[in-house]
Amino acid sequence: MPYIRFKAFPDAFVEEITPNIVEEFASIVRVEPEKVKIEVLNVHIITNTPLSVEIMMFQRDKETHDAVAASIDHMLRERGYPGVHIFFIILDPHYYYKEGKPLR
C-alpha cells in the first residue's frame, strides 16, 4: 500500500517505468519503496476514454498529492504519453483492513 494503477497502458511500458515511478513516489510520499504497489488495469474501452493513472493511498497534504501528480505526469509526457488523467482515491485507515481488522 499505496497502489498506483495504470489503466489501459501497455504492460511492457509500465514494467519499464516501474523502478522510476516507485523511487520518485516513495521519495515524495515518504514511504519505503517496497510498500508501493504498481498494477496495470487492462480495460476494454467502449467510449472515448483517456489513459489514466489512479492512485489509492491515505490522505496526505495537498502539496504532496500535487507533487506526486506532477512527477508522474512529467515521466509519462517524457515517454510520449501526454494528457493522461491522474486522480487519487483517498483511503481511510478506519476502513482499510488487514486480517479482518481495521488499521485504526
PDB file of N, CA and C in Angstrom:
ATOM      1  N   MET A   1       0.859  -1.145   0.000  1.00  0.00           N
ATOM      2  CA  MET A   1       0.000   0.000   0.000  1.00  0.00           C
ATOM      3  C   MET A   1       0.908   1.210   0.000  1.00  0.00           C
ATOM      4  N   PRO A   2       0.778   2.198  -0.724  1.00  0.00           N
ATOM      5  CA  PRO A   2      -0.253   2.636  -1.662  1.00  0.00           C
ATOM      6  C   PRO A   2      -0.208   1.884  -3.003  1.00  0.00           C
ATOM      7  N   TYR A   3      -1.297   2.013  -3.738  1.00  0.00           N
ATOM      8  CA  TYR A   3      -1.424   1.367  -5.042  1.00  0.00           C
ATOM      9  C   TYR A   3      -1.441   2.422  -6.141  1.00  0.00           C
ATOM     10  N   ILE A   4      -0.654   2.189  -7.170  1.00  0.00           N
ATOM     11  CA  ILE A   4      -0.671   3.043  -8.353  1.00  0.00           C
ATOM     12  C   ILE A   4      -1.117   2.151  -9.504  1.00  0.00           C
ATOM     13  N   ARG A   5      -2.252   2.495 -10.091  1.00  0.00           N
ATOM     14  CA  ARG A   5      -2.853   1.665 -11.134  1.00  0.00           C
ATOM     15  C   ARG A   5      -2.882   2.414 -12.466  1.00  0.00           C
ATOM     16  N   PHE A   6      -2.261   1.806 -13.446  1.00  0.00           N
ATOM     17  CA  PHE A   6      -2.217   2.369 -14.793  1.00  0.00           C
ATOM     18  C   PHE A   6      -3.321   1.708 -15.602  1.00  0.00           C
ATOM     19  N   LYS A   7      -4.269   2.515 -16.084  1.00  0.00           N
ATOM     20  CA  LYS A   7      -5.399   1.985 -16.844  1.00  0.00           C
ATOM     21  C   LYS A   7      -5.130   2.077 -18.332  1.00  0.00           C
ATOM     22  N   ALA A   8      -5.157   0.910 -18.986  1.00  0.00           N
ATOM     23  CA  ALA A   8      -5.081   0.781 -20.444  1.00  0.00           C
ATOM     24  C   ALA A   8      -3.704   1.110 -21.026  1.00  0.00           C
ATOM     25  N   PHE A   9      -2.672   1.084 -20.213  1.00  0.00           N
ATOM     26  CA  PHE A   9      -1.304   1.249 -20.700  1.00  0.00           C
ATOM     27  C   PHE A   9      -0.748  -0.114 -21.087  1.00  0.00           C
ATOM     28  N   PRO A  10       0.175  -0.164 -22.027  1.00  0.00           N
ATOM     29  CA  PRO A  10       0.829  -1.438 -22.349  1.00  0.00           C
ATOM     30  C   PRO A  10       1.614  -1.967 -21.137  1.00  0.00           C
ATOM     31  N   ASP A  11       1.467  -3.248 -20.867  1.00  0.00           N
ATOM     32  CA  ASP A  11       2.156  -3.868 -19.733  1.00  0.00           C
ATOM     33  C   ASP A  11       3.660  -3.602 -19.764  1.00  0.00           C
ATOM     34  N   ALA A  12       4.266  -3.782 -20.927  1.00  0.00           N
ATOM     35  CA  ALA A  12       5.729  -3.624 -21.049  1.00  0.00           C
ATOM     36  C   ALA A  12       6.158  -2.198 -20.702  1.00  0.00           C
ATOM     37  N   PHE A  13       5.363  -1.217 -21.085  1.00  0.00           N
ATOM     38  CA  PHE A  13       5.690   0.167 -20.759  1.00  0.00           C
ATOM     39  C   PHE A  13       5.673   0.390 -19.249  1.00  0.00           C
ATOM     40  N   VAL A  14       4.641  -0.100 -18.588  1.00  0.00           N
ATOM     41  CA  VAL A  14       4.541   0.087 -17.135  1.00  0.00           C
ATOM     42  C   VAL A  14       5.676  -0.641 -16.423  1.00  0.00           C
ATOM     43  N   GLU A  15       6.004  -1.834 -16.892  1.00  0.00           N
ATOM     44  CA  GLU A  15       7.121  -2.568 -16.292  1.00  0.00           C
ATOM     45  C   GLU A  15       8.425  -1.786 -16.455  1.00  0.00           C
ATOM     46  N   GLU A  16       8.598  -1.150 -17.594  1.00  0.00           N
ATOM     47  CA  GLU A  16       9.815  -0.372 -17.862  1.00  0.00           C
ATOM     48  C   GLU A  16       9.944   0.836 -16.931  1.00  0.00           C
ATOM     49  N   ILE A  17       8.835   1.549 -16.677  1.00  0.00           N
ATOM     50  CA  ILE A  17       8.922   2.764 -15.861  1.00  0.00           C
ATOM     51  C   ILE A  17       8.739   2.505 -14.367  1.00  0.00           C
ATOM     52  N   THR A  18       8.374   1.290 -13.991  1.00  0.00           N
ATOM     53  CA  THR A  18       8.100   0.991 -12.580  1.00  0.00           C
ATOM     54  C   THR A  18       9.232   1.391 -11.640  1.00  0.00           C
ATOM     55  N   PRO A  19      10.496   1.055 -11.908  1.00  0.00           N
ATOM     56  CA  PRO A  19      11.540   1.460 -10.954  1.00  0.00           C
ATOM     57  C   PRO A  19      11.580   2.973 -10.718  1.00  0.00           C
ATOM     58  N   ASN A  20      11.431   3.758 -11.784  1.00  0.00           N
ATOM     59  CA  ASN A  20      11.449   5.218 -11.641  1.00  0.00           C
ATOM     60  C   ASN A  20      10.228   5.726 -10.879  1.00  0.00           C
ATOM     61  N   ILE A  21       9.065   5.186 -11.209  1.00  0.00           N
ATOM     62  CA  ILE A  21       7.833   5.594 -10.524  1.00  0.00           C
ATOM     63  C   ILE A  21       7.937   5.281  -9.035  1.00  0.00           C
ATOM     64  N   VAL A  22       8.353   4.068  -8.701  1.00  0.00           N
ATOM     65  CA  VAL A  22       8.443   3.658  -7.294  1.00  0.00           C
ATOM     66  C   VAL A  22       9.423   4.552  -6.539  1.00  0.00           C
ATOM     67  N   GLU A  23      10.592   4.768  -7.111  1.00  0.00           N
ATOM     68  CA  GLU A  23      11.617   5.584  -6.438  1.00  0.00           C
ATOM     69  C   GLU A  23      11.117   7.007  -6.191  1.00  0.00           C
ATOM     70  N   GLU A  24      10.563   7.617  -7.217  1.00  0.00           N
ATOM     71  CA  GLU A  24      10.098   9.002  -7.118  1.00  0.00           C
ATOM     72  C   GLU A  24       8.908   9.109  -6.162  1.00  0.00           C
ATOM     73  N   PHE A  25       7.939   8.221  -6.308  1.00  0.00           N
ATOM     74  CA  PHE A  25       6.751   8.236  -5.463  1.00  0.00           C
ATOM     75  C   PHE A  25       7.126   8.043  -3.995  1.00  0.00           C
ATOM     76  N   ALA A  26       7.954   7.048  -3.709  1.00  0.00           N
ATOM     77  CA  ALA A  26       8.366   6.758  -2.333  1.00  0.00           C
ATOM     78  C   ALA A  26       9.071   7.960  -1.719  1.00  0.00           C
ATOM     79  N   SER A  27       9.877   8.632  -2.507  1.00  0.00           N
ATOM     80  CA  SER A  27      10.596   9.807  -2.025  1.00  0.00           C
ATOM     81  C   SER A  27       9.637  10.949  -1.685  1.00  0.00           C
ATOM     82  N   ILE A  28       8.688  11.203  -2.557  1.00  0.00           N
ATOM     83  CA  ILE A  28       7.738  12.302  -2.338  1.00  0.00           C
ATOM     84  C   ILE A  28       6.818  12.013  -1.156  1.00  0.00           C
ATOM     85  N   VAL A  29       6.296  10.794  -1.109  1.00  0.00           N
ATOM     86  CA  VAL A  29       5.297  10.440  -0.098  1.00  0.00           C
ATOM     87  C   VAL A  29       5.942  10.009   1.228  1.00  0.00           C
ATOM     88  N   ARG A  30       7.223   9.718   1.162  1.00  0.00           N
ATOM     89  CA  ARG A  30       7.986   9.293   2.340  1.00  0.00           C
ATOM     90  C   ARG A  30       7.497   7.957   2.890  1.00  0.00           C
ATOM     91  N   VAL A  31       7.487   6.989   1.958  1.00  0.00           N
ATOM     92  CA  VAL A  31       7.219   5.602   2.337  1.00  0.00           C
ATOM     93  C   VAL A  31       8.361   4.752   1.808  1.00  0.00           C
ATOM     94  N   GLU A  32       8.486   3.569   2.360  1.00  0.00           N
ATOM     95  CA  GLU A  32       9.508   2.644   1.874  1.00  0.00           C
ATOM     96  C   GLU A  32       9.113   2.160   0.483  1.00  0.00           C
ATOM     97  N   PRO A  33      10.073   2.098  -0.438  1.00  0.00           N
ATOM     98  CA  PRO A  33       9.753   1.690  -1.812  1.00  0.00           C
ATOM     99  C   PRO A  33       9.019   0.354  -1.905  1.00  0.00           C
ATOM    100  N   GLU A  34       9.336  -0.587  -1.040  1.00  0.00           N
ATOM    101  CA  GLU A  34       8.679  -1.900  -1.121  1.00  0.00           C
ATOM    102  C   GLU A  34       7.196  -1.845  -0.769  1.00  0.00           C
ATOM    103  N   LYS A  35       6.738  -0.744  -0.212  1.00  0.00           N
ATOM    104  CA  LYS A  35       5.306  -0.604   0.102  1.00  0.00           C
ATOM    105  C   LYS A  35       4.493  -0.129  -1.101  1.00  0.00           C
ATOM    106  N   VAL A  36       5.157   0.405  -2.114  1.00  0.00           N
ATOM    107  CA  VAL A  36       4.459   0.943  -3.287  1.00  0.00           C
ATOM    108  C   VAL A  36       4.080  -0.212  -4.211  1.00  0.00           C
ATOM    109  N   LYS A  37       2.807  -0.318  -4.508  1.00  0.00           N
ATOM    110  CA  LYS A  37       2.279  -1.378  -5.377  1.00  0.00           C
ATOM    111  C   LYS A  37       1.917  -0.780  -6.738  1.00  0.00           C
ATOM    112  N   ILE A  38       2.391  -1.418  -7.791  1.00  0.00           N
ATOM    113  CA  ILE A  38       2.098  -0.963  -9.154  1.00  0.00           C
ATOM    114  C   ILE A  38       1.249  -2.032  -9.846  1.00  0.00           C
ATOM    115  N   GLU A  39       0.198  -1.589 -10.499  1.00  0.00           N
ATOM    116  CA  GLU A  39      -0.681  -2.510 -11.219  1.00  0.00           C
ATOM    117  C   GLU A  39      -1.038  -1.915 -12.581  1.00  0.00           C
ATOM    118  N   VAL A  40      -1.291  -2.795 -13.525  1.00  0.00           N
ATOM    119  CA  VAL A  40      -1.841  -2.394 -14.821  1.00  0.00           C
ATOM    120  C   VAL A  40      -3.257  -2.943 -14.878  1.00  0.00           C
ATOM    121  N   LEU A  41      -4.200  -2.060 -15.124  1.00  0.00           N
ATOM    122  CA  LEU A  41      -5.588  -2.485 -15.304  1.00  0.00           C
ATOM    123  C   LEU A  41      -5.858  -2.541 -16.800  1.00  0.00           C
ATOM    124  N   ASN A  42      -6.012  -3.730 -17.302  1.00  0.00           N
ATOM    125  CA  ASN A  42      -6.334  -3.904 -18.718  1.00  0.00           C
ATOM    126  C   ASN A  42      -7.841  -3.795 -18.856  1.00  0.00           C
ATOM    127  N   VAL A  43      -8.264  -2.755 -19.516  1.00  0.00           N
ATOM    128  CA  VAL A  43      -9.687  -2.480 -19.641  1.00  0.00           C
ATOM    129  C   VAL A  43     -10.113  -2.572 -21.102  1.00  0.00           C
ATOM    130  N   HIS A  44     -11.361  -2.851 -21.282  1.00  0.00           N
ATOM    131  CA  HIS A  44     -11.952  -2.852 -22.612  1.00  0.00           C
ATOM    132  C   HIS A  44     -12.651  -1.506 -22.770  1.00  0.00           C
ATOM    133  N   ILE A  45     -12.065  -0.630 -23.561  1.00  0.00           N
ATOM    134  CA  ILE A  45     -12.586   0.727 -23.713  1.00  0.00           C
ATOM    135  C   ILE A  45     -13.761   0.703 -24.687  1.00  0.00           C
ATOM    136  N   ILE A  46     -14.893   1.229 -24.226  1.00  0.00           N
ATOM    137  CA  ILE A  46     -16.106   1.270 -25.034  1.00  0.00           C
ATOM    138  C   ILE A  46     -16.287   2.649 -25.668  1.00  0.00           C
ATOM    139  N   THR A  47     -16.109   3.695 -24.894  1.00  0.00           N
ATOM    140  CA  THR A  47     -16.236   5.056 -25.411  1.00  0.00           C
ATOM    141  C   THR A  47     -14.859   5.715 -25.399  1.00  0.00           C
ATOM    142  N   ASN A  48     -14.791   6.945 -25.847  1.00  0.00           N
ATOM    143  CA  ASN A  48     -13.524   7.666 -25.908  1.00  0.00           C
ATOM    144  C   ASN A  48     -13.029   7.950 -24.485  1.00  0.00           C
ATOM    145  N   THR A  49     -12.256   7.040 -23.956  1.00  0.00           N
ATOM    146  CA  THR A  49     -11.765   7.131 -22.588  1.00  0.00           C
ATOM    147  C   THR A  49     -10.267   7.387 -22.593  1.00  0.00           C
ATOM    148  N   PRO A  50      -9.811   8.407 -21.855  1.00  0.00           N
ATOM    149  CA  PRO A  50      -8.372   8.695 -21.848  1.00  0.00           C
ATOM    150  C   PRO A  50      -7.605   7.669 -21.009  1.00  0.00           C
ATOM    151  N   LEU A  51      -6.321   7.545 -21.292  1.00  0.00           N
ATOM    152  CA  LEU A  51      -5.463   6.769 -20.403  1.00  0.00           C
ATOM    153  C   LEU A  51      -5.491   7.456 -19.044  1.00  0.00           C
ATOM    154  N   SER A  52      -5.383   6.667 -17.983  1.00  0.00           N
ATOM    155  CA  SER A  52      -5.410   7.288 -16.660  1.00  0.00           C
ATOM    156  C   SER A  52      -4.542   6.517 -15.677  1.00  0.00           C
ATOM    157  N   VAL A  53      -4.193   7.226 -14.623  1.00  0.00           N
ATOM    158  CA  VAL A  53      -3.458   6.637 -13.515  1.00  0.00           C
ATOM    159  C   VAL A  53      -4.259   6.945 -12.265  1.00  0.00           C
ATOM    160  N   GLU A  54      -4.656   5.891 -11.551  1.00  0.00           N
ATOM    161  CA  GLU A  54      -5.361   6.104 -10.294  1.00  0.00           C
ATOM    162  C   GLU A  54      -4.430   5.716  -9.156  1.00  0.00           C
ATOM    163  N   ILE A  55      -4.428   6.532  -8.144  1.00  0.00           N
ATOM    164  CA  ILE A  55      -3.534   6.330  -7.012  1.00  0.00           C
ATOM    165  C   ILE A  55      -4.393   6.183  -5.761  1.00  0.00           C
ATOM    166  N   MET A  56      -4.332   5.007  -5.172  1.00  0.00           N
ATOM    167  CA  MET A  56      -5.082   4.757  -3.941  1.00  0.00           C
ATOM    168  C   MET A  56      -4.101   4.834  -2.777  1.00  0.00           C
ATOM    169  N   MET A  57      -4.378   5.780  -1.870  1.00  0.00           N
ATOM    170  CA  MET A  57      -3.473   5.972  -0.740  1.00  0.00           C
ATOM    171  C   MET A  57      -4.197   6.699   0.380  1.00  0.00           C
ATOM    172  N   PHE A  58      -3.565   6.734   1.544  1.00  0.00           N
ATOM    173  CA  PHE A  58      -4.093   7.516   2.649  1.00  0.00           C
ATOM    174  C   PHE A  58      -3.839   8.997   2.374  1.00  0.00           C
ATOM    175  N   GLN A  59      -4.678   9.824   2.958  1.00  0.00           N
ATOM    176  CA  GLN A  59      -4.608  11.271   2.760  1.00  0.00           C
ATOM    177  C   GLN A  59      -3.241  11.826   3.168  1.00  0.00           C
ATOM    178  N   ARG A  60      -2.725  12.707   2.322  1.00  0.00           N
ATOM    179  CA  ARG A  60      -1.537  13.492   2.612  1.00  0.00           C
ATOM    180  C   ARG A  60      -1.916  14.954   2.410  1.00  0.00           C
ATOM    181  N   ASP A  61      -1.001  15.857   2.662  1.00  0.00           N
ATOM    182  CA  ASP A  61      -1.316  17.265   2.418  1.00  0.00           C
ATOM    183  C   ASP A  61      -1.409  17.505   0.905  1.00  0.00           C
ATOM    184  N   LYS A  62      -2.089  18.573   0.538  1.00  0.00           N
ATOM    185  CA  LYS A  62      -2.345  18.888  -0.869  1.00  0.00           C
ATOM    186  C   LYS A  62      -1.056  19.002  -1.671  1.00  0.00           C
ATOM    187  N   GLU A  63      -0.027  19.571  -1.075  1.00  0.00           N
ATOM    188  CA  GLU A  63       1.251  19.737  -1.767  1.00  0.00           C
ATOM    189  C   GLU A  63       1.860  18.391  -2.137  1.00  0.00           C
ATOM    190  N   THR A  64       1.699  17.395  -1.283  1.00  0.00           N
ATOM    191  CA  THR A  64       2.228  16.057  -1.567  1.00  0.00           C
ATOM    192  C   THR A  64       1.488  15.433  -2.742  1.00  0.00           C
ATOM    193  N   HIS A  65       0.164  15.530  -2.735  1.00  0.00           N
ATOM    194  CA  HIS A  65      -0.626  14.999  -3.848  1.00  0.00           C
ATOM    195  C   HIS A  65      -0.259  15.720  -5.147  1.00  0.00           C
ATOM    196  N   ASP A  66      -0.117  17.032  -5.083  1.00  0.00           N
ATOM    197  CA  ASP A  66       0.263  17.810  -6.271  1.00  0.00           C
ATOM    198  C   ASP A  66       1.624  17.367  -6.807  1.00  0.00           C
ATOM    199  N   ALA A  67       2.572  17.152  -5.903  1.00  0.00           N
ATOM    200  CA  ALA A  67       3.925  16.744  -6.312  1.00  0.00           C
ATOM    201  C   ALA A  67       3.916  15.358  -6.949  1.00  0.00           C
ATOM    202  N   VAL A  68       3.134  14.443  -6.404  1.00  0.00           N
ATOM    203  CA  VAL A  68       3.026  13.094  -6.979  1.00  0.00           C
ATOM    204  C   VAL A  68       2.458  13.179  -8.394  1.00  0.00           C
ATOM    205  N   ALA A  69       1.357  13.906  -8.535  1.00  0.00           N
ATOM    206  CA  ALA A  69       0.715  14.025  -9.855  1.00  0.00           C
ATOM    207  C   ALA A  69       1.658  14.673 -10.863  1.00  0.00           C
ATOM    208  N   ALA A  70       2.346  15.725 -10.470  1.00  0.00           N
ATOM    209  CA  ALA A  70       3.272  16.402 -11.381  1.00  0.00           C
ATOM    210  C   ALA A  70       4.417  15.485 -11.786  1.00  0.00           C
ATOM    211  N   SER A  71       4.933  14.718 -10.843  1.00  0.00           N
ATOM    212  CA  SER A  71       6.039  13.805 -11.121  1.00  0.00           C
ATOM    213  C   SER A  71       5.627  12.716 -12.112  1.00  0.00           C
ATOM    214  N   ILE A  72       4.481  12.099 -11.869  1.00  0.00           N
ATOM    215  CA  ILE A  72       4.006  11.038 -12.764  1.00  0.00           C
ATOM    216  C   ILE A  72       3.694  11.617 -14.140  1.00  0.00           C
ATOM    217  N   ASP A  73       3.035  12.771 -14.178  1.00  0.00           N
ATOM    218  CA  ASP A  73       2.731  13.413 -15.453  1.00  0.00           C
ATOM    219  C   ASP A  73       4.009  13.689 -16.240  1.00  0.00           C
ATOM    220  N   HIS A  74       5.024  14.199 -15.565  1.00  0.00           N
ATOM    221  CA  HIS A  74       6.300  14.500 -16.231  1.00  0.00           C
ATOM    222  C   HIS A  74       6.915  13.231 -16.833  1.00  0.00           C
ATOM    223  N   MET A  75       6.945  12.150 -16.054  1.00  0.00           N
ATOM    224  CA  MET A  75       7.523  10.896 -16.559  1.00  0.00           C
ATOM    225  C   MET A  75       6.755  10.363 -17.765  1.00  0.00           C
ATOM    226  N   LEU A  76       5.436  10.485 -17.729  1.00  0.00           N
ATOM    227  CA  LEU A  76       4.625   9.991 -18.840  1.00  0.00           C
ATOM    228  C   LEU A  76       4.797  10.858 -20.082  1.00  0.00           C
ATOM    229  N   ARG A  77       4.792  12.171 -19.917  1.00  0.00           N
ATOM    230  CA  ARG A  77       4.993  13.085 -21.053  1.00  0.00           C
ATOM    231  C   ARG A  77       6.345  12.842 -21.712  1.00  0.00           C
ATOM    232  N   GLU A  78       7.367  12.663 -20.889  1.00  0.00           N
ATOM    233  CA  GLU A  78       8.722  12.408 -21.391  1.00  0.00           C
ATOM    234  C   GLU A  78       8.772  11.175 -22.287  1.00  0.00           C
ATOM    235  N   ARG A  79       7.893  10.235 -22.018  1.00  0.00           N
ATOM    236  CA  ARG A  79       7.897   8.962 -22.743  1.00  0.00           C
ATOM    237  C   ARG A  79       6.765   8.873 -23.768  1.00  0.00           C
ATOM    238  N   GLY A  80       6.203  10.024 -24.141  1.00  0.00           N
ATOM    239  CA  GLY A  80       5.231  10.046 -25.227  1.00  0.00           C
ATOM    240  C   GLY A  80       3.788   9.845 -24.833  1.00  0.00           C
ATOM    241  N   TYR A  81       3.458  10.057 -23.571  1.00  0.00           N
ATOM    242  CA  TYR A  81       2.077   9.922 -23.106  1.00  0.00           C
ATOM    243  C   TYR A  81       1.591  11.236 -22.485  1.00  0.00           C
ATOM    244  N   PRO A  82       1.272  12.231 -23.328  1.00  0.00           N
ATOM    245  CA  PRO A  82       0.730  13.484 -22.785  1.00  0.00           C
ATOM    246  C   PRO A  82      -0.767  13.333 -22.497  1.00  0.00           C
ATOM    247  N   GLY A  83      -1.270  14.194 -21.645  1.00  0.00           N
ATOM    248  CA  GLY A  83      -2.725  14.261 -21.432  1.00  0.00           C
ATOM    249  C   GLY A  83      -3.322  13.129 -20.632  1.00  0.00           C
ATOM    250  N   VAL A  84      -2.521  12.406 -19.885  1.00  0.00           N
ATOM    251  CA  VAL A  84      -3.037  11.306 -19.056  1.00  0.00           C
ATOM    252  C   VAL A  84      -3.774  11.901 -17.856  1.00  0.00           C
ATOM    253  N   HIS A  85      -4.926  11.337 -17.545  1.00  0.00           N
ATOM    254  CA  HIS A  85      -5.678  11.769 -16.368  1.00  0.00           C
ATOM    255  C   HIS A  85      -5.095  11.059 -15.146  1.00  0.00           C
ATOM    256  N   ILE A  86      -4.792  11.832 -14.117  1.00  0.00           N
ATOM    257  CA  ILE A  86      -4.242  11.287 -12.868  1.00  0.00           C
ATOM    258  C   ILE A  86      -5.188  11.693 -11.750  1.00  0.00           C
ATOM    259  N   PHE A  87      -5.605  10.704 -10.958  1.00  0.00           N
ATOM    260  CA  PHE A  87      -6.509  11.031  -9.857  1.00  0.00           C
ATOM    261  C   PHE A  87      -6.238  10.141  -8.658  1.00  0.00           C
ATOM    262  N   PHE A  88      -6.666  10.629  -7.514  1.00  0.00           N
ATOM    263  CA  PHE A  88      -6.444   9.933  -6.252  1.00  0.00           C
ATOM    264  C   PHE A  88      -7.751   9.371  -5.718  1.00  0.00           C
ATOM    265  N   ILE A  89      -7.660   8.187  -5.183  1.00  0.00           N
ATOM    266  CA  ILE A  89      -8.739   7.605  -4.399  1.00  0.00           C
ATOM    267  C   ILE A  89      -8.190   7.559  -2.976  1.00  0.00           C
ATOM    268  N   ILE A  90      -8.783   8.373  -2.122  1.00  0.00           N
ATOM    269  CA  ILE A  90      -8.269   8.512  -0.762  1.00  0.00           C
ATOM    270  C   ILE A  90      -8.856   7.406   0.109  1.00  0.00           C
ATOM    271  N   LEU A  91      -7.970   6.657   0.722  1.00  0.00           N
ATOM    272  CA  LEU A  91      -8.371   5.575   1.615  1.00  0.00           C
ATOM    273  C   LEU A  91      -8.415   6.079   3.055  1.00  0.00           C
ATOM    274  N   ASP A  92      -9.280   5.495   3.823  1.00  0.00           N
ATOM    275  CA  ASP A  92      -9.423   5.840   5.231  1.00  0.00           C
ATOM    276  C   ASP A  92      -8.910   4.662   6.055  1.00  0.00           C
ATOM    277  N   PRO A  93      -7.922   4.883   6.934  1.00  0.00           N
ATOM    278  CA  PRO A  93      -7.370   3.761   7.698  1.00  0.00           C
ATOM    279  C   PRO A  93      -8.402   3.071   8.585  1.00  0.00           C
ATOM    280  N   HIS A  94      -9.504   3.760   8.891  1.00  0.00           N
ATOM    281  CA  HIS A  94     -10.571   3.122   9.674  1.00  0.00           C
ATOM    282  C   HIS A  94     -11.303   2.061   8.857  1.00  0.00           C
ATOM    283  N   TYR A  95     -11.240   2.185   7.544  1.00  0.00           N
ATOM    284  CA  TYR A  95     -11.938   1.260   6.653  1.00  0.00           C
ATOM    285  C   TYR A  95     -10.984   0.489   5.754  1.00  0.00           C
ATOM    286  N   TYR A  96      -9.737   0.409   6.160  1.00  0.00           N
ATOM    287  CA  TYR A  96      -8.739  -0.399   5.465  1.00  0.00           C
ATOM    288  C   TYR A  96      -8.389  -1.535   6.413  1.00  0.00           C
ATOM    289  N   TYR A  97      -8.613  -2.771   5.976  1.00  0.00           N
ATOM    290  CA  TYR A  97      -8.495  -3.924   6.866  1.00  0.00           C
ATOM    291  C   TYR A  97      -7.335  -4.826   6.481  1.00  0.00           C
ATOM    292  N   LYS A  98      -6.655  -5.308   7.485  1.00  0.00           N
ATOM    293  CA  LYS A  98      -5.639  -6.353   7.330  1.00  0.00           C
ATOM    294  C   LYS A  98      -6.028  -7.459   8.290  1.00  0.00           C
ATOM    295  N   GLU A  99      -6.134  -8.666   7.750  1.00  0.00           N
ATOM    296  CA  GLU A  99      -6.545  -9.824   8.541  1.00  0.00           C
ATOM    297  C   GLU A  99      -7.856  -9.566   9.274  1.00  0.00           C
ATOM    298  N   GLY A 100      -8.758  -8.858   8.597  1.00  0.00           N
ATOM    299  CA  GLY A 100     -10.095  -8.613   9.142  1.00  0.00           C
ATOM    300  C   GLY A 100     -10.173  -7.521  10.190  1.00  0.00           C
ATOM    301  N   LYS A 101      -9.066  -6.805  10.413  1.00  0.00           N
ATOM    302  CA  LYS A 101      -9.063  -5.760  11.434  1.00  0.00           C
ATOM    303  C   LYS A 101      -8.669  -4.424  10.800  1.00  0.00           C
ATOM    304  N   PRO A 102      -9.394  -3.355  11.179  1.00  0.00           N
ATOM    305  CA  PRO A 102      -9.037  -2.046  10.628  1.00  0.00           C
ATOM    306  C   PRO A 102      -7.671  -1.604  11.142  1.00  0.00           C
ATOM    307  N   LEU A 103      -6.969  -0.819  10.311  1.00  0.00           N
ATOM    308  CA  LEU A 103      -5.658  -0.309  10.751  1.00  0.00           C
ATOM    309  C   LEU A 103      -5.804   0.601  11.961  1.00  0.00           C
ATOM    310  N   ARG A 104      -6.946   1.283  12.060  1.00  0.00           N
ATOM    311  CA  ARG A 104      -7.200   2.149  13.230  1.00  0.00           C
ATOM    312  C   ARG A 104      -8.533   1.846  13.816  1.00  0.00           C
TER     313      ARG A 104
END
